[in-house]
mmCIF file of all heavy atoms, coordinates in Angstrom:
data_MODEL
# 
_entry.id   MODEL 
# 
loop_
_atom_site.group_PDB 
_atom_site.id 
_atom_site.type_symbol 
_atom_site.label_atom_id 
_atom_site.label_alt_id 
_atom_site.label_comp_id 
_atom_site.label_asym_id 
_atom_site.label_entity_id 
_atom_site.label_seq_id 
_atom_site.pdbx_PDB_ins_code 
_atom_site.Cartn_x 
_atom_site.Cartn_y 
_atom_site.Cartn_z 
_atom_site.occupancy 
_atom_site.B_iso_or_equiv 
_atom_site.pdbx_formal_charge 
_atom_site.auth_seq_id 
_atom_site.auth_comp_id 
_atom_site.auth_asym_id 
_atom_site.auth_atom_id 
_atom_site.pdbx_PDB_model_num 
ATOM 1   N N   . ASP A 1 1  ? 0.850  -1.143 0.014   1.00 0.00 ? 1  ASP A N   1 
ATOM 2   C CA  . ASP A 1 1  ? -0.030 0.018  0.040   1.00 0.00 ? 1  ASP A CA  1 
ATOM 3   C C   . ASP A 1 1  ? 0.877  1.282  -0.019  1.00 0.00 ? 1  ASP A C   1 
ATOM 4   O O   . ASP A 1 1  ? 0.554  2.255  -0.636  1.00 0.00 ? 1  ASP A O   1 
ATOM 5   C CB  . ASP A 1 1  ? -0.970 0.026  1.212   1.00 0.00 ? 1  ASP A CB  1 
ATOM 6   C CG  . ASP A 1 1  ? -2.049 -1.027 1.098   1.00 0.00 ? 1  ASP A CG  1 
ATOM 7   O OD1 . ASP A 1 1  ? -2.415 -1.369 -0.065  1.00 0.00 ? 1  ASP A OD1 1 
ATOM 8   O OD2 . ASP A 1 1  ? -2.504 -1.434 2.144   1.00 0.00 ? 1  ASP A OD2 1 
ATOM 9   N N   . ILE A 1 2  ? 1.949  1.208  0.787   1.00 0.00 ? 2  ILE A N   1 
ATOM 10  C CA  . ILE A 1 2  ? 2.908  2.365  0.709   1.00 0.00 ? 2  ILE A CA  1 
ATOM 11  C C   . ILE A 1 2  ? 3.415  2.559  -0.635  1.00 0.00 ? 2  ILE A C   1 
ATOM 12  O O   . ILE A 1 2  ? 3.530  3.678  -1.185  1.00 0.00 ? 2  ILE A O   1 
ATOM 13  C CB  . ILE A 1 2  ? 4.038  2.163  1.758   1.00 0.00 ? 2  ILE A CB  1 
ATOM 14  C CG1 . ILE A 1 2  ? 3.422  2.229  3.188   1.00 0.00 ? 2  ILE A CG1 1 
ATOM 15  C CG2 . ILE A 1 2  ? 5.154  3.187  1.606   1.00 0.00 ? 2  ILE A CG2 1 
ATOM 16  C CD1 . ILE A 1 2  ? 4.440  1.793  4.318   1.00 0.00 ? 2  ILE A CD1 1 
ATOM 17  N N   . ARG A 1 3  ? 3.784  1.460  -1.293  1.00 0.00 ? 3  ARG A N   1 
ATOM 18  C CA  . ARG A 1 3  ? 4.305  1.489  -2.723  1.00 0.00 ? 3  ARG A CA  1 
ATOM 19  C C   . ARG A 1 3  ? 3.308  2.228  -3.612  1.00 0.00 ? 3  ARG A C   1 
ATOM 20  O O   . ARG A 1 3  ? 3.663  3.061  -4.443  1.00 0.00 ? 3  ARG A O   1 
ATOM 21  C CB  . ARG A 1 3  ? 4.533  -0.004 -3.184  1.00 0.00 ? 3  ARG A CB  1 
ATOM 22  C CG  . ARG A 1 3  ? 4.577  -0.204 -4.629  1.00 0.00 ? 3  ARG A CG  1 
ATOM 23  C CD  . ARG A 1 3  ? 5.983  -0.246 -5.221  1.00 0.00 ? 3  ARG A CD  1 
ATOM 24  N NE  . ARG A 1 3  ? 6.386  1.093  -5.417  1.00 0.00 ? 3  ARG A NE  1 
ATOM 25  C CZ  . ARG A 1 3  ? 7.708  1.530  -5.181  1.00 0.00 ? 3  ARG A CZ  1 
ATOM 26  N NH1 . ARG A 1 3  ? 8.580  0.715  -4.697  1.00 0.00 ? 3  ARG A NH1 1 
ATOM 27  N NH2 . ARG A 1 3  ? 8.055  2.812  -5.287  1.00 0.00 ? 3  ARG A NH2 1 
ATOM 28  N N   . LYS A 1 4  ? 1.932  1.935  -3.463  1.00 0.00 ? 4  LYS A N   1 
ATOM 29  C CA  . LYS A 1 4  ? 1.012  2.547  -4.313  1.00 0.00 ? 4  LYS A CA  1 
ATOM 30  C C   . LYS A 1 4  ? 0.939  4.055  -4.068  1.00 0.00 ? 4  LYS A C   1 
ATOM 31  O O   . LYS A 1 4  ? 0.801  4.792  -5.041  1.00 0.00 ? 4  LYS A O   1 
ATOM 32  C CB  . LYS A 1 4  ? -0.464 1.922  -3.989  1.00 0.00 ? 4  LYS A CB  1 
ATOM 33  C CG  . LYS A 1 4  ? -0.571 0.500  -4.528  1.00 0.00 ? 4  LYS A CG  1 
ATOM 34  C CD  . LYS A 1 4  ? -1.952 -0.035 -4.152  1.00 0.00 ? 4  LYS A CD  1 
ATOM 35  C CE  . LYS A 1 4  ? -2.080 -1.505 -4.359  1.00 0.00 ? 4  LYS A CE  1 
ATOM 36  N NZ  . LYS A 1 4  ? -3.222 -2.093 -3.822  1.00 0.00 ? 4  LYS A NZ  1 
ATOM 37  N N   . LEU A 1 5  ? 1.009  4.470  -2.819  1.00 0.00 ? 5  LEU A N   1 
ATOM 38  C CA  . LEU A 1 5  ? 0.999  5.850  -2.505  1.00 0.00 ? 5  LEU A CA  1 
ATOM 39  C C   . LEU A 1 5  ? 2.202  6.559  -3.132  1.00 0.00 ? 5  LEU A C   1 
ATOM 40  O O   . LEU A 1 5  ? 2.112  7.675  -3.687  1.00 0.00 ? 5  LEU A O   1 
ATOM 41  C CB  . LEU A 1 5  ? 0.948  6.084  -0.929  1.00 0.00 ? 5  LEU A CB  1 
ATOM 42  C CG  . LEU A 1 5  ? -0.289 5.809  -0.289  1.00 0.00 ? 5  LEU A CG  1 
ATOM 43  C CD1 . LEU A 1 5  ? -0.103 5.764  1.282   1.00 0.00 ? 5  LEU A CD1 1 
ATOM 44  C CD2 . LEU A 1 5  ? -1.420 6.839  -0.609  1.00 0.00 ? 5  LEU A CD2 1 
ATOM 45  N N   . ILE A 1 6  ? 3.414  5.958  -2.954  1.00 0.00 ? 6  ILE A N   1 
ATOM 46  C CA  . ILE A 1 6  ? 4.577  6.530  -3.529  1.00 0.00 ? 6  ILE A CA  1 
ATOM 47  C C   . ILE A 1 6  ? 4.480  6.647  -5.098  1.00 0.00 ? 6  ILE A C   1 
ATOM 48  O O   . ILE A 1 6  ? 4.878  7.681  -5.673  1.00 0.00 ? 6  ILE A O   1 
ATOM 49  C CB  . ILE A 1 6  ? 5.825  5.676  -3.126  1.00 0.00 ? 6  ILE A CB  1 
ATOM 50  C CG1 . ILE A 1 6  ? 6.094  5.876  -1.615  1.00 0.00 ? 6  ILE A CG1 1 
ATOM 51  C CG2 . ILE A 1 6  ? 7.071  6.143  -3.898  1.00 0.00 ? 6  ILE A CG2 1 
ATOM 52  C CD1 . ILE A 1 6  ? 7.097  4.897  -1.028  1.00 0.00 ? 6  ILE A CD1 1 
ATOM 53  N N   . ASP A 1 7  ? 4.011  5.569  -5.693  1.00 0.00 ? 7  ASP A N   1 
ATOM 54  C CA  . ASP A 1 7  ? 3.880  5.613  -7.143  1.00 0.00 ? 7  ASP A CA  1 
ATOM 55  C C   . ASP A 1 7  ? 2.957  6.696  -7.633  1.00 0.00 ? 7  ASP A C   1 
ATOM 56  O O   . ASP A 1 7  ? 3.184  7.386  -8.598  1.00 0.00 ? 7  ASP A O   1 
ATOM 57  C CB  . ASP A 1 7  ? 3.355  4.265  -7.650  1.00 0.00 ? 7  ASP A CB  1 
ATOM 58  C CG  . ASP A 1 7  ? 4.328  3.129  -7.550  1.00 0.00 ? 7  ASP A CG  1 
ATOM 59  O OD1 . ASP A 1 7  ? 5.548  3.385  -7.261  1.00 0.00 ? 7  ASP A OD1 1 
ATOM 60  O OD2 . ASP A 1 7  ? 3.965  1.998  -7.657  1.00 0.00 ? 7  ASP A OD2 1 
ATOM 61  N N   . GLU A 1 8  ? 1.867  6.955  -6.854  1.00 0.00 ? 8  GLU A N   1 
ATOM 62  C CA  . GLU A 1 8  ? 0.852  8.030  -7.179  1.00 0.00 ? 8  GLU A CA  1 
ATOM 63  C C   . GLU A 1 8  ? 1.598  9.366  -7.157  1.00 0.00 ? 8  GLU A C   1 
ATOM 64  O O   . GLU A 1 8  ? 1.445  10.183 -8.058  1.00 0.00 ? 8  GLU A O   1 
ATOM 65  C CB  . GLU A 1 8  ? -0.301 7.974  -6.246  1.00 0.00 ? 8  GLU A CB  1 
ATOM 66  C CG  . GLU A 1 8  ? -1.371 8.955  -6.524  1.00 0.00 ? 8  GLU A CG  1 
ATOM 67  C CD  . GLU A 1 8  ? -2.491 8.785  -5.597  1.00 0.00 ? 8  GLU A CD  1 
ATOM 68  O OE1 . GLU A 1 8  ? -2.785 7.690  -5.111  1.00 0.00 ? 8  GLU A OE1 1 
ATOM 69  O OE2 . GLU A 1 8  ? -3.104 9.793  -5.207  1.00 0.00 ? 8  GLU A OE2 1 
ATOM 70  N N   . TYR A 1 9  ? 2.343  9.619  -6.123  1.00 0.00 ? 9  TYR A N   1 
ATOM 71  C CA  . TYR A 1 9  ? 3.004  10.910 -5.953  1.00 0.00 ? 9  TYR A CA  1 
ATOM 72  C C   . TYR A 1 9  ? 4.238  11.050 -6.875  1.00 0.00 ? 9  TYR A C   1 
ATOM 73  O O   . TYR A 1 9  ? 4.493  12.176 -7.330  1.00 0.00 ? 9  TYR A O   1 
ATOM 74  C CB  . TYR A 1 9  ? 3.427  11.117 -4.476  1.00 0.00 ? 9  TYR A CB  1 
ATOM 75  C CG  . TYR A 1 9  ? 2.355  11.625 -3.554  1.00 0.00 ? 9  TYR A CG  1 
ATOM 76  C CD1 . TYR A 1 9  ? 1.215  10.809 -3.253  1.00 0.00 ? 9  TYR A CD1 1 
ATOM 77  C CD2 . TYR A 1 9  ? 2.358  12.943 -3.096  1.00 0.00 ? 9  TYR A CD2 1 
ATOM 78  C CE1 . TYR A 1 9  ? 0.227  11.322 -2.499  1.00 0.00 ? 9  TYR A CE1 1 
ATOM 79  C CE2 . TYR A 1 9  ? 1.334  13.389 -2.289  1.00 0.00 ? 9  TYR A CE2 1 
ATOM 80  C CZ  . TYR A 1 9  ? 0.282  12.599 -2.006  1.00 0.00 ? 9  TYR A CZ  1 
ATOM 81  O OH  . TYR A 1 9  ? -0.747 13.090 -1.226  1.00 0.00 ? 9  TYR A OH  1 
ATOM 82  N N   . SER A 1 10 ? 5.022  10.036 -7.036  1.00 0.00 ? 10 SER A N   1 
ATOM 83  C CA  . SER A 1 10 ? 6.234  10.114 -7.874  1.00 0.00 ? 10 SER A CA  1 
ATOM 84  C C   . SER A 1 10 ? 5.832  10.292 -9.339  1.00 0.00 ? 10 SER A C   1 
ATOM 85  O O   . SER A 1 10 ? 6.588  10.930 -10.119 1.00 0.00 ? 10 SER A O   1 
ATOM 86  C CB  . SER A 1 10 ? 7.154  8.873  -7.694  1.00 0.00 ? 10 SER A CB  1 
ATOM 87  O OG  . SER A 1 10 ? 6.533  7.703  -8.096  1.00 0.00 ? 10 SER A OG  1 
ATOM 88  N N   . ALA A 1 11 ? 4.706  9.774  -9.767  1.00 0.00 ? 11 ALA A N   1 
ATOM 89  C CA  . ALA A 1 11 ? 4.231  9.963  -11.163 1.00 0.00 ? 11 ALA A CA  1 
ATOM 90  C C   . ALA A 1 11 ? 4.081  11.461 -11.455 1.00 0.00 ? 11 ALA A C   1 
ATOM 91  O O   . ALA A 1 11 ? 4.310  11.919 -12.559 1.00 0.00 ? 11 ALA A O   1 
ATOM 92  C CB  . ALA A 1 11 ? 2.920  9.182  -11.422 1.00 0.00 ? 11 ALA A CB  1 
ATOM 93  N N   . GLY A 1 12 ? 3.599  12.209 -10.457 1.00 0.00 ? 12 GLY A N   1 
ATOM 94  C CA  . GLY A 1 12 ? 3.460  13.667 -10.578 1.00 0.00 ? 12 GLY A CA  1 
ATOM 95  C C   . GLY A 1 12 ? 4.727  14.462 -10.168 1.00 0.00 ? 12 GLY A C   1 
ATOM 96  O O   . GLY A 1 12 ? 4.648  15.651 -10.036 1.00 0.00 ? 12 GLY A O   1 
ATOM 97  N N   . ARG A 1 13 ? 5.832  13.717 -10.021 1.00 0.00 ? 13 ARG A N   1 
ATOM 98  C CA  . ARG A 1 13 ? 7.143  14.334 -9.574  1.00 0.00 ? 13 ARG A CA  1 
ATOM 99  C C   . ARG A 1 13 ? 7.010  15.099 -8.282  1.00 0.00 ? 13 ARG A C   1 
ATOM 100 O O   . ARG A 1 13 ? 7.669  16.169 -8.095  1.00 0.00 ? 13 ARG A O   1 
ATOM 101 C CB  . ARG A 1 13 ? 7.731  15.232 -10.693 1.00 0.00 ? 13 ARG A CB  1 
ATOM 102 C CG  . ARG A 1 13 ? 8.038  14.390 -11.959 1.00 0.00 ? 13 ARG A CG  1 
ATOM 103 C CD  . ARG A 1 13 ? 8.887  15.140 -12.944 1.00 0.00 ? 13 ARG A CD  1 
ATOM 104 N NE  . ARG A 1 13 ? 9.917  15.980 -12.418 1.00 0.00 ? 13 ARG A NE  1 
ATOM 105 C CZ  . ARG A 1 13 ? 11.202 15.629 -12.027 1.00 0.00 ? 13 ARG A CZ  1 
ATOM 106 N NH1 . ARG A 1 13 ? 11.529 14.381 -12.122 1.00 0.00 ? 13 ARG A NH1 1 
ATOM 107 N NH2 . ARG A 1 13 ? 12.030 16.526 -11.666 1.00 0.00 ? 13 ARG A NH2 1 
ATOM 108 N N   . ARG A 1 14 ? 6.100  14.644 -7.398  1.00 0.00 ? 14 ARG A N   1 
ATOM 109 C CA  . ARG A 1 14 ? 5.972  15.286 -6.071  1.00 0.00 ? 14 ARG A CA  1 
ATOM 110 C C   . ARG A 1 14 ? 6.746  14.501 -4.984  1.00 0.00 ? 14 ARG A C   1 
ATOM 111 O O   . ARG A 1 14 ? 6.858  15.014 -3.845  1.00 0.00 ? 14 ARG A O   1 
ATOM 112 C CB  . ARG A 1 14 ? 4.552  15.479 -5.709  1.00 0.00 ? 14 ARG A CB  1 
ATOM 113 C CG  . ARG A 1 14 ? 3.693  16.356 -6.614  1.00 0.00 ? 14 ARG A CG  1 
ATOM 114 C CD  . ARG A 1 14 ? 2.373  16.423 -6.218  1.00 0.00 ? 14 ARG A CD  1 
ATOM 115 N NE  . ARG A 1 14 ? 1.698  15.157 -6.524  1.00 0.00 ? 14 ARG A NE  1 
ATOM 116 C CZ  . ARG A 1 14 ? 0.544  14.725 -5.964  1.00 0.00 ? 14 ARG A CZ  1 
ATOM 117 N NH1 . ARG A 1 14 ? -0.093 15.521 -5.152  1.00 0.00 ? 14 ARG A NH1 1 
ATOM 118 N NH2 . ARG A 1 14 ? 0.052  13.555 -6.280  1.00 0.00 ? 14 ARG A NH2 1 
ATOM 119 N N   . LEU A 1 15 ? 7.224  13.335 -5.344  1.00 0.00 ? 15 LEU A N   1 
ATOM 120 C CA  . LEU A 1 15 ? 7.931  12.443 -4.410  1.00 0.00 ? 15 LEU A CA  1 
ATOM 121 C C   . LEU A 1 15 ? 8.930  11.664 -5.248  1.00 0.00 ? 15 LEU A C   1 
ATOM 122 O O   . LEU A 1 15 ? 8.604  11.252 -6.366  1.00 0.00 ? 15 LEU A O   1 
ATOM 123 C CB  . LEU A 1 15 ? 6.948  11.555 -3.709  1.00 0.00 ? 15 LEU A CB  1 
ATOM 124 C CG  . LEU A 1 15 ? 7.313  10.886 -2.476  1.00 0.00 ? 15 LEU A CG  1 
ATOM 125 C CD1 . LEU A 1 15 ? 7.596  11.882 -1.342  1.00 0.00 ? 15 LEU A CD1 1 
ATOM 126 C CD2 . LEU A 1 15 ? 6.130  10.017 -1.995  1.00 0.00 ? 15 LEU A CD2 1 
ATOM 127 N N   . LEU A 1 16 ? 10.078 11.407 -4.653  1.00 0.00 ? 16 LEU A N   1 
ATOM 128 C CA  . LEU A 1 16 ? 11.048 10.580 -5.270  1.00 0.00 ? 16 LEU A CA  1 
ATOM 129 C C   . LEU A 1 16 ? 10.611 9.146  -5.318  1.00 0.00 ? 16 LEU A C   1 
ATOM 130 O O   . LEU A 1 16 ? 10.062 8.638  -4.342  1.00 0.00 ? 16 LEU A O   1 
ATOM 131 C CB  . LEU A 1 16 ? 12.451 10.647 -4.589  1.00 0.00 ? 16 LEU A CB  1 
ATOM 132 C CG  . LEU A 1 16 ? 13.205 12.034 -4.712  1.00 0.00 ? 16 LEU A CG  1 
ATOM 133 C CD1 . LEU A 1 16 ? 14.439 11.917 -3.845  1.00 0.00 ? 16 LEU A CD1 1 
ATOM 134 C CD2 . LEU A 1 16 ? 13.555 12.242 -6.187  1.00 0.00 ? 16 LEU A CD2 1 
ATOM 135 N N   . GLN A 1 17 ? 10.868 8.484  -6.376  1.00 0.00 ? 17 GLN A N   1 
ATOM 136 C CA  . GLN A 1 17 ? 10.593 7.007  -6.524  1.00 0.00 ? 17 GLN A CA  1 
ATOM 137 C C   . GLN A 1 17 ? 11.530 6.264  -5.575  1.00 0.00 ? 17 GLN A C   1 
ATOM 138 O O   . GLN A 1 17 ? 12.655 6.685  -5.407  1.00 0.00 ? 17 GLN A O   1 
ATOM 139 C CB  . GLN A 1 17 ? 10.760 6.565  -8.017  1.00 0.00 ? 17 GLN A CB  1 
ATOM 140 C CG  . GLN A 1 17 ? 10.457 5.171  -8.232  1.00 0.00 ? 17 GLN A CG  1 
ATOM 141 C CD  . GLN A 1 17 ? 9.009  4.817  -7.928  1.00 0.00 ? 17 GLN A CD  1 
ATOM 142 O OE1 . GLN A 1 17 ? 8.733  4.252  -6.936  1.00 0.00 ? 17 GLN A OE1 1 
ATOM 143 N NE2 . GLN A 1 17 ? 8.143  5.192  -8.872  1.00 0.00 ? 17 GLN A NE2 1 
ATOM 144 N N   . LYS A 1 18 ? 11.111 5.243  -4.983  1.00 0.00 ? 18 LYS A N   1 
ATOM 145 C CA  . LYS A 1 18 ? 11.889 4.351  -4.157  1.00 0.00 ? 18 LYS A CA  1 
ATOM 146 C C   . LYS A 1 18 ? 11.797 2.975  -4.574  1.00 0.00 ? 18 LYS A C   1 
ATOM 147 O O   . LYS A 1 18 ? 10.691 2.469  -4.960  1.00 0.00 ? 18 LYS A O   1 
ATOM 148 C CB  . LYS A 1 18 ? 11.495 4.545  -2.720  1.00 0.00 ? 18 LYS A CB  1 
ATOM 149 C CG  . LYS A 1 18 ? 11.739 5.879  -2.095  1.00 0.00 ? 18 LYS A CG  1 
ATOM 150 C CD  . LYS A 1 18 ? 11.874 5.917  -0.682  1.00 0.00 ? 18 LYS A CD  1 
ATOM 151 C CE  . LYS A 1 18 ? 12.028 7.261  -0.152  1.00 0.00 ? 18 LYS A CE  1 
ATOM 152 N NZ  . LYS A 1 18 ? 13.120 7.507  0.609   1.00 0.00 ? 18 LYS A NZ  1 
ATOM 153 N N   . GLU A 1 19 ? 12.845 2.238  -4.465  1.00 0.00 ? 19 GLU A N   1 
ATOM 154 C CA  . GLU A 1 19 ? 12.794 0.769  -4.820  1.00 0.00 ? 19 GLU A CA  1 
ATOM 155 C C   . GLU A 1 19 ? 12.039 0.064  -3.720  1.00 0.00 ? 19 GLU A C   1 
ATOM 156 O O   . GLU A 1 19 ? 12.140 0.415  -2.529  1.00 0.00 ? 19 GLU A O   1 
ATOM 157 C CB  . GLU A 1 19 ? 14.242 0.219  -4.877  1.00 0.00 ? 19 GLU A CB  1 
ATOM 158 C CG  . GLU A 1 19 ? 15.071 0.786  -6.044  1.00 0.00 ? 19 GLU A CG  1 
ATOM 159 C CD  . GLU A 1 19 ? 14.503 0.539  -7.408  1.00 0.00 ? 19 GLU A CD  1 
ATOM 160 O OE1 . GLU A 1 19 ? 13.816 -0.508 -7.585  1.00 0.00 ? 19 GLU A OE1 1 
ATOM 161 O OE2 . GLU A 1 19 ? 14.737 1.338  -8.303  1.00 0.00 ? 19 GLU A OE2 1 
ATOM 162 N N   . THR A 1 20 ? 11.297 -0.955 -4.047  1.00 0.00 ? 20 THR A N   1 
ATOM 163 C CA  . THR A 1 20 ? 10.519 -1.690 -3.096  1.00 0.00 ? 20 THR A CA  1 
ATOM 164 C C   . THR A 1 20 ? 11.467 -2.339 -2.034  1.00 0.00 ? 20 THR A C   1 
ATOM 165 O O   . THR A 1 20 ? 11.035 -2.292 -0.862  1.00 0.00 ? 20 THR A O   1 
ATOM 166 C CB  . THR A 1 20 ? 9.638  -2.793 -3.787  1.00 0.00 ? 20 THR A CB  1 
ATOM 167 O OG1 . THR A 1 20 ? 8.826  -2.135 -4.775  1.00 0.00 ? 20 THR A OG1 1 
ATOM 168 C CG2 . THR A 1 20 ? 8.805  -3.575 -2.841  1.00 0.00 ? 20 THR A CG2 1 
ATOM 169 N N   . VAL A 1 21 ? 12.619 -2.793 -2.438  1.00 0.00 ? 21 VAL A N   1 
ATOM 170 C CA  . VAL A 1 21 ? 13.502 -3.367 -1.468  1.00 0.00 ? 21 VAL A CA  1 
ATOM 171 C C   . VAL A 1 21 ? 13.877 -2.290 -0.384  1.00 0.00 ? 21 VAL A C   1 
ATOM 172 O O   . VAL A 1 21 ? 14.040 -2.630 0.762   1.00 0.00 ? 21 VAL A O   1 
ATOM 173 C CB  . VAL A 1 21 ? 14.757 -3.996 -2.119  1.00 0.00 ? 21 VAL A CB  1 
ATOM 174 C CG1 . VAL A 1 21 ? 15.638 -2.948 -2.784  1.00 0.00 ? 21 VAL A CG1 1 
ATOM 175 C CG2 . VAL A 1 21 ? 15.547 -4.804 -1.108  1.00 0.00 ? 21 VAL A CG2 1 
ATOM 176 N N   . THR A 1 22 ? 14.069 -1.089 -0.817  1.00 0.00 ? 22 THR A N   1 
ATOM 177 C CA  . THR A 1 22 ? 14.412 -0.011 0.112   1.00 0.00 ? 22 THR A CA  1 
ATOM 178 C C   . THR A 1 22 ? 13.236 0.237  1.132   1.00 0.00 ? 22 THR A C   1 
ATOM 179 O O   . THR A 1 22 ? 13.501 0.478  2.307   1.00 0.00 ? 22 THR A O   1 
ATOM 180 C CB  . THR A 1 22 ? 14.708 1.284  -0.671  1.00 0.00 ? 22 THR A CB  1 
ATOM 181 O OG1 . THR A 1 22 ? 15.752 1.005  -1.581  1.00 0.00 ? 22 THR A OG1 1 
ATOM 182 C CG2 . THR A 1 22 ? 15.068 2.419  0.285   1.00 0.00 ? 22 THR A CG2 1 
ATOM 183 N N   . LEU A 1 23 ? 12.057 0.076  0.597   1.00 0.00 ? 23 LEU A N   1 
ATOM 184 C CA  . LEU A 1 23 ? 10.885 0.230  1.510   1.00 0.00 ? 23 LEU A CA  1 
ATOM 185 C C   . LEU A 1 23 ? 10.869 -0.835 2.612   1.00 0.00 ? 23 LEU A C   1 
ATOM 186 O O   . LEU A 1 23 ? 10.565 -0.545 3.801   1.00 0.00 ? 23 LEU A O   1 
ATOM 187 C CB  . LEU A 1 23 ? 9.615  0.261  0.742   1.00 0.00 ? 23 LEU A CB  1 
ATOM 188 C CG  . LEU A 1 23 ? 9.378  1.417  -0.262  1.00 0.00 ? 23 LEU A CG  1 
ATOM 189 C CD1 . LEU A 1 23 ? 8.185  1.241  -1.112  1.00 0.00 ? 23 LEU A CD1 1 
ATOM 190 C CD2 . LEU A 1 23 ? 9.421  2.754  0.444   1.00 0.00 ? 23 LEU A CD2 1 
ATOM 191 N N   . TYR A 1 24 ? 11.101 -2.074 2.191   1.00 0.00 ? 24 TYR A N   1 
ATOM 192 C CA  . TYR A 1 24 ? 11.187 -3.199 3.185   1.00 0.00 ? 24 TYR A CA  1 
ATOM 193 C C   . TYR A 1 24 ? 12.295 -2.989 4.142   1.00 0.00 ? 24 TYR A C   1 
ATOM 194 O O   . TYR A 1 24 ? 12.119 -3.187 5.366   1.00 0.00 ? 24 TYR A O   1 
ATOM 195 C CB  . TYR A 1 24 ? 11.291 -4.533 2.488   1.00 0.00 ? 24 TYR A CB  1 
ATOM 196 C CG  . TYR A 1 24 ? 9.923  -5.065 1.955   1.00 0.00 ? 24 TYR A CG  1 
ATOM 197 C CD1 . TYR A 1 24 ? 9.756  -5.105 0.568   1.00 0.00 ? 24 TYR A CD1 1 
ATOM 198 C CD2 . TYR A 1 24 ? 8.976  -5.482 2.799   1.00 0.00 ? 24 TYR A CD2 1 
ATOM 199 C CE1 . TYR A 1 24 ? 8.558  -5.600 0.043   1.00 0.00 ? 24 TYR A CE1 1 
ATOM 200 C CE2 . TYR A 1 24 ? 7.733  -5.944 2.322   1.00 0.00 ? 24 TYR A CE2 1 
ATOM 201 C CZ  . TYR A 1 24 ? 7.589  -5.933 0.943   1.00 0.00 ? 24 TYR A CZ  1 
ATOM 202 O OH  . TYR A 1 24 ? 6.349  -6.492 0.491   1.00 0.00 ? 24 TYR A OH  1 
ATOM 203 N N   . GLU A 1 25 ? 13.447 -2.477 3.646   1.00 0.00 ? 25 GLU A N   1 
ATOM 204 C CA  . GLU A 1 25 ? 14.633 -2.269 4.509   1.00 0.00 ? 25 GLU A CA  1 
ATOM 205 C C   . GLU A 1 25 ? 14.353 -1.214 5.550   1.00 0.00 ? 25 GLU A C   1 
ATOM 206 O O   . GLU A 1 25 ? 14.951 -1.203 6.604   1.00 0.00 ? 25 GLU A O   1 
ATOM 207 C CB  . GLU A 1 25 ? 15.880 -1.934 3.647   1.00 0.00 ? 25 GLU A CB  1 
ATOM 208 C CG  . GLU A 1 25 ? 16.359 -3.035 2.869   1.00 0.00 ? 25 GLU A CG  1 
ATOM 209 C CD  . GLU A 1 25 ? 17.517 -2.566 1.877   1.00 0.00 ? 25 GLU A CD  1 
ATOM 210 O OE1 . GLU A 1 25 ? 17.623 -1.373 1.613   1.00 0.00 ? 25 GLU A OE1 1 
ATOM 211 O OE2 . GLU A 1 25 ? 18.221 -3.467 1.372   1.00 0.00 ? 25 GLU A OE2 1 
# 
């Protein structure tokens, strides 16, 4: 779910994209 939120914001260049492995870490 966090991944979905990040994807929504990063698509609009409002948030940096993060690798899923980084989110788990």
